[in-house]
């Protein structure tokens, strides 16, 4: 009974984490698009705000004893910080210059790429059925840290990288720059975007650390459908019949992945119970 209760609690935590990530991820897409369309805030500067607010949020959490920092060698985190920095910058750049539908389509292509990376770089295998339905977790396991401990060191490193890069690509103090003249409403929206980004970043690390990158990306396809529909409602993005069919295919793929994954888990449990 105790083991069953632990499994139920574990699944409940994962469900809660997925739900939080669903809400904040959809919110951040619409809010960032609103900031780009109505205020014209620069992309890299907005990403810099996100990482700074994320680090400040984690600093407050650490002071409240929500987690204990763990000493980590910077060399082990440099590539991760650079990768995550590029991931967010280019993701926001895509959102800034494309419709939400195109932006979500580009993100959907990450799943097969992640499967290839996990297969060849981390020697992780996926069944043929799982492959047909379609970095962070590896670092958490390698360094033996939780999501907060890892993000606590990654966020300031990414912030420092962007702080160096921003002056080369965007104005800083002039009009349209991060320290330029902005209205109070624009600044409040950017700050709100940073707070939501903190919750997005934390939930991404937590989900990948407690499930897997592939599970996270399959869940991302569900967010893809909701965000695509939201873009049609809020920003009048065109929604063609082909896109509607694509949404249905995506939902079918998610259901198929979930069914196959659960079947594989049940099969593994049965084999373990049959062993003498």
Protein backbone atom coordinates (compact mmCIF):
# COMPACT_ATOMS: atom_id res chain seq x y z
CA UNK A 1 0.00 0.00 0.00
CA UNK A 2 2.84 2.37 0.82
CA UNK A 3 4.45 1.74 -2.57
CA UNK A 4 1.11 2.36 -4.31
CA UNK A 5 0.64 5.60 -2.39
CA UNK A 6 4.15 6.72 -3.39
CA UNK A 7 3.41 6.00 -7.05
CA UNK A 8 0.15 7.95 -6.87
CA UNK A 9 1.88 10.90 -5.24
CA UNK A 10 4.68 10.75 -7.81
CA UNK A 11 2.25 10.75 -10.71
CA UNK A 12 0.29 13.54 -9.05
CA UNK A 13 3.44 15.70 -8.83
CA UNK A 14 4.25 15.03 -12.48
CA UNK A 15 0.67 15.88 -13.51
CA UNK A 16 0.83 19.11 -11.50
CA UNK A 17 4.18 20.01 -13.08
CA UNK A 18 2.83 19.34 -16.57
CA UNK A 19 -0.27 21.42 -15.89
CA UNK A 20 1.80 24.34 -14.61
CA UNK A 21 4.08 24.12 -17.63
CA UNK A 22 1.05 24.01 -19.93
CA UNK A 23 -0.44 27.18 -18.47
CA UNK A 24 2.73 29.27 -18.27
CA UNK A 25 4.09 28.09 -21.65
CA UNK A 26 0.92 29.12 -23.46
CA UNK A 27 0.82 32.38 -21.53
CA UNK A 28 4.44 33.27 -22.34
CA UNK A 29 3.91 32.75 -26.08
CA UNK A 30 0.89 35.05 -26.24
CA UNK A 31 2.45 37.63 -23.91
CA UNK A 32 5.75 37.77 -25.80
CA UNK A 33 3.93 38.04 -29.13
CA UNK A 34 1.87 40.89 -27.66
CA UNK A 35 5.06 42.65 -26.52
CA UNK A 36 6.65 42.27 -29.97
CA UNK A 37 3.55 43.41 -31.86
CA UNK A 38 2.39 46.29 -29.65
CA UNK A 39 5.64 47.57 -28.10
CA UNK A 40 8.44 46.40 -30.38
CA UNK A 41 10.68 45.40 -27.49
CA UNK A 42 13.97 43.89 -28.79
CA UNK A 43 14.25 40.12 -28.78
CA UNK A 44 17.66 39.51 -27.18
CA UNK A 45 17.01 42.15 -24.53
CA UNK A 46 13.72 40.47 -23.62
CA UNK A 47 15.52 37.14 -23.31
CA UNK A 48 18.14 38.80 -21.09
CA UNK A 49 15.34 40.09 -18.83
CA UNK A 50 13.94 36.55 -18.67
CA UNK A 51 17.21 35.03 -17.48
CA UNK A 52 17.90 37.80 -14.97
CA UNK A 53 14.43 37.49 -13.44
CA UNK A 54 14.83 33.70 -13.40
CA UNK A 55 18.09 34.01 -11.45
CA UNK A 56 16.57 36.55 -9.03
CA UNK A 57 13.56 34.27 -8.51
CA UNK A 58 15.83 31.34 -7.73
CA UNK A 59 17.91 33.51 -5.39
CA UNK A 60 14.74 34.33 -3.43
CA UNK A 61 13.77 30.63 -3.39
CA UNK A 62 17.22 29.75 -2.07
CA UNK A 63 16.93 32.35 0.70
CA UNK A 64 13.55 30.85 1.63
CA UNK A 65 15.26 27.43 1.97
CA UNK A 66 13.29 25.96 -0.92
CA UNK A 67 16.50 24.35 -2.17
CA UNK A 68 20.18 24.24 -1.25
CA UNK A 69 22.72 25.42 -3.85
CA UNK A 70 25.28 22.85 -4.89
CA UNK A 71 28.80 23.78 -5.94
CA UNK A 72 29.23 22.98 -9.62
CA UNK A 73 32.25 23.48 -11.91
CA UNK A 74 31.49 26.23 -14.48
CA UNK A 75 33.14 24.19 -17.24
CA UNK A 76 30.43 21.54 -16.83
CA UNK A 77 27.68 24.13 -17.35
CA UNK A 78 29.19 26.32 -20.05
CA UNK A 79 27.85 24.35 -23.01
CA UNK A 80 24.44 23.94 -21.36
CA UNK A 81 24.20 27.69 -20.64
CA UNK A 82 25.21 28.54 -24.21
CA UNK A 83 22.76 26.01 -25.68
CA UNK A 84 19.85 27.16 -23.53
CA UNK A 85 20.70 30.78 -24.28
CA UNK A 86 20.63 30.13 -28.02
CA UNK A 87 17.48 28.03 -27.70
CA UNK A 88 15.50 30.85 -26.05
CA UNK A 89 16.92 33.64 -28.26
CA UNK A 90 16.16 31.86 -31.52
CA UNK A 91 12.78 30.65 -30.25
CA UNK A 92 11.79 34.23 -29.42
CA UNK A 93 13.23 35.43 -32.74
CA UNK A 94 11.01 32.95 -34.56
CA UNK A 95 8.00 34.14 -32.57
CA UNK A 96 8.86 37.78 -33.30
CA UNK A 97 9.06 37.35 -37.07
CA UNK A 98 6.53 34.60 -37.80
CA UNK A 99 2.93 33.80 -37.12
CA UNK A 100 2.27 31.68 -34.06
CA UNK A 101 1.43 28.74 -36.32
CA UNK A 102 4.81 28.86 -38.11
CA UNK A 103 6.58 29.36 -34.79
CA UNK A 104 4.91 26.30 -33.30
CA UNK A 105 5.62 24.20 -36.39
CA UNK A 106 9.35 24.93 -36.09
CA UNK A 107 9.29 23.94 -32.40
CA UNK A 108 7.51 20.68 -33.25
CA UNK A 109 10.51 19.61 -35.33
CA UNK A 110 12.67 19.40 -32.18
CA UNK A 111 11.25 16.02 -31.14
CA UNK A 112 12.85 13.87 -33.90
CA UNK A 113 16.11 15.82 -33.46
CA UNK A 114 16.12 15.12 -29.70
CA UNK A 115 15.54 11.42 -30.37
CA UNK A 116 18.57 11.39 -32.69
CA UNK A 117 20.72 13.23 -30.11
CA UNK A 118 19.68 10.92 -27.28
CA UNK A 119 20.25 7.85 -29.46
CA UNK A 120 23.72 8.72 -30.73
CA UNK A 121 25.13 10.90 -27.93
CA UNK A 122 23.61 9.30 -24.82
CA UNK A 123 23.10 5.74 -26.16
CA UNK A 124 19.44 5.79 -25.18
CA UNK A 125 17.23 3.46 -27.19
CA UNK A 126 13.62 3.89 -28.27
CA UNK A 127 11.39 1.20 -29.68
CA UNK A 128 10.37 1.42 -33.33
CA UNK A 129 6.80 2.22 -32.31
CA UNK A 130 7.91 5.10 -30.11
CA UNK A 131 10.10 6.48 -32.93
CA UNK A 132 7.16 6.40 -35.30
CA UNK A 133 5.01 8.51 -32.93
CA UNK A 134 7.11 11.30 -33.03
CA UNK A 135 19.89 17.73 -23.12
CA UNK A 136 18.91 18.95 -19.98
CA UNK A 137 17.89 15.69 -18.28
CA UNK A 138 21.29 14.14 -18.96
CA UNK A 139 23.06 17.05 -17.24
CA UNK A 140 20.83 16.78 -14.16
CA UNK A 141 21.65 13.10 -13.79
CA UNK A 142 25.33 13.60 -14.57
CA UNK A 143 25.78 16.34 -11.97
CA UNK A 144 23.32 14.84 -9.47
CA UNK A 145 21.36 18.07 -9.04
CA UNK A 146 17.67 18.97 -9.09
CA UNK A 147 16.02 21.46 -11.43
CA UNK A 148 16.46 24.47 -9.13
CA UNK A 149 20.13 23.72 -8.41
CA UNK A 150 20.97 23.40 -12.10
CA UNK A 151 18.99 26.46 -13.21
CA UNK A 152 20.48 28.49 -10.33
CA UNK A 153 23.88 28.27 -12.04
CA UNK A 154 22.76 28.18 -15.66
CA UNK A 155 20.59 31.35 -15.57
CA UNK A 156 23.34 33.81 -14.52
CA UNK A 157 25.78 32.27 -17.00
CA UNK A 158 23.27 32.71 -19.82
CA UNK A 159 22.56 36.27 -18.61
CA UNK A 160 26.27 37.13 -18.75
CA UNK A 161 26.53 35.75 -22.29
CA UNK A 162 23.58 37.83 -23.45
CA UNK A 163 24.87 40.92 -21.63
CA UNK A 164 28.01 40.71 -23.78
CA UNK A 165 26.11 39.95 -27.00
CA UNK A 166 23.24 42.47 -26.81
CA UNK A 167 25.30 45.64 -27.60
CA UNK A 168 26.50 44.04 -30.86
CA UNK A 169 23.00 43.28 -32.16
CA UNK A 170 20.58 45.73 -30.51
CA UNK A 171 20.57 49.33 -29.25
CA UNK A 172 21.09 49.67 -25.50
CA UNK A 173 20.32 53.24 -24.44
CA UNK A 174 18.82 54.61 -27.65
CA UNK A 175 15.16 54.45 -28.59
CA UNK A 176 14.10 50.83 -28.95
CA UNK A 177 16.89 49.62 -26.66
CA UNK A 178 16.57 47.84 -23.34
CA UNK A 179 17.36 51.07 -21.42
CA UNK A 180 15.55 53.33 -23.87
CA UNK A 181 12.39 55.34 -23.19
CA UNK A 182 9.56 52.86 -22.61
CA UNK A 183 6.04 53.43 -21.32
CA UNK A 184 5.07 52.14 -17.89
CA UNK A 185 2.71 49.62 -19.45
CA UNK A 186 5.52 48.26 -21.66
CA UNK A 187 7.86 47.87 -18.69
CA UNK A 188 5.16 46.13 -16.64
CA UNK A 189 4.44 43.71 -19.48
CA UNK A 190 8.16 42.93 -19.88
CA UNK A 191 8.50 42.36 -16.13
CA UNK A 192 5.43 40.08 -16.14
CA UNK A 193 6.94 38.22 -19.07
CA UNK A 194 10.12 37.71 -17.02
CA UNK A 195 8.20 36.31 -14.06
CA UNK A 196 6.30 33.88 -16.30
CA UNK A 197 9.55 32.93 -18.04
CA UNK A 198 10.98 32.03 -14.61
CA UNK A 199 8.10 29.59 -14.09
CA UNK A 200 8.50 28.24 -17.64
CA UNK A 201 12.24 27.65 -17.24
CA UNK A 202 11.84 26.02 -13.84
CA UNK A 203 9.01 23.75 -14.99
CA UNK A 204 10.97 22.70 -18.12
CA UNK A 205 13.97 21.62 -16.03
CA UNK A 206 11.73 19.89 -13.50
CA UNK A 207 9.71 17.97 -16.11
CA UNK A 208 12.77 16.81 -18.07
CA UNK A 209 14.54 15.83 -14.86
CA UNK A 210 11.55 13.79 -13.64
CA UNK A 211 10.41 12.31 -16.96
CA UNK A 212 12.49 12.57 -20.15
CA UNK A 213 13.19 15.05 -22.96
CA UNK A 214 11.01 13.03 -25.34
CA UNK A 215 8.06 13.01 -22.92
CA UNK A 216 8.44 16.76 -22.49
CA UNK A 217 8.43 17.30 -26.26
CA UNK A 218 5.43 15.05 -26.81
CA UNK A 219 3.62 17.11 -24.20
CA UNK A 220 4.81 20.17 -26.11
CA UNK A 221 2.85 19.01 -29.14
CA UNK A 222 -0.34 19.24 -27.10
CA UNK A 223 0.61 22.83 -26.24
CA UNK A 224 1.21 23.32 -29.97
CA UNK A 225 -2.44 22.65 -30.75
CA UNK A 226 -3.76 24.96 -28.04
CA UNK A 227 -1.31 27.75 -28.93
CA UNK A 228 -2.12 27.49 -32.63
CA UNK A 229 -5.81 27.89 -31.89
CA UNK A 230 -5.07 30.77 -29.50
CA UNK A 231 -3.08 32.56 -32.21
CA UNK A 232 -6.07 32.30 -34.50
CA UNK A 233 -8.38 33.78 -31.83
CA UNK A 234 -6.11 36.52 -30.40
CA UNK A 235 -3.92 37.58 -33.33
CA UNK A 236 -6.14 36.54 -36.26
CA UNK A 237 -3.47 34.20 -37.59
CA UNK A 238 -4.78 32.21 -40.57
CA UNK A 239 -5.89 28.67 -39.73
CA UNK A 240 -6.19 26.55 -42.85
CA UNK A 241 -7.78 23.15 -43.29
CA UNK A 242 -4.30 21.63 -43.55
CA UNK A 243 -3.35 23.15 -40.19
CA UNK A 244 -6.56 21.79 -38.68
CA UNK A 245 -5.71 18.33 -40.00
CA UNK A 246 -2.19 18.77 -38.64
CA UNK A 247 -3.61 19.48 -35.20
CA UNK A 248 -5.70 16.30 -35.35
CA UNK A 249 -2.67 14.27 -36.46
CA UNK A 250 -0.63 15.76 -33.61
CA UNK A 251 -3.26 14.84 -31.04
CA UNK A 252 -3.41 11.34 -32.50
CA UNK A 253 0.39 11.06 -32.21
CA UNK A 254 0.27 12.15 -28.57
CA UNK A 255 -2.40 9.56 -27.76
CA UNK A 256 -0.47 6.87 -29.63
CA UNK A 257 2.78 7.74 -27.80
CA UNK A 258 1.02 7.70 -24.43
CA UNK A 259 -0.62 4.34 -25.14
CA UNK A 260 2.61 2.73 -26.37
CA UNK A 261 4.67 4.14 -23.50
CA UNK A 262 2.22 2.85 -20.89
CA UNK A 263 2.11 -0.54 -22.63
CA UNK A 264 5.91 -0.77 -22.56
CA UNK A 265 5.97 0.13 -18.87
CA UNK A 266 3.36 -2.50 -18.06
CA UNK A 267 5.33 -5.06 -20.09
CA UNK A 268 8.50 -4.24 -18.15
CA UNK A 269 6.69 -4.62 -14.83
CA UNK A 270 5.26 -7.99 -15.90
CA UNK A 271 8.71 -9.31 -16.84
CA UNK A 272 10.13 -8.22 -13.50
CA UNK A 273 7.32 -9.95 -11.59
CA UNK A 274 7.79 -13.16 -13.59
CA UNK A 275 11.47 -13.42 -12.64
CA UNK A 276 12.19 -16.03 -9.92
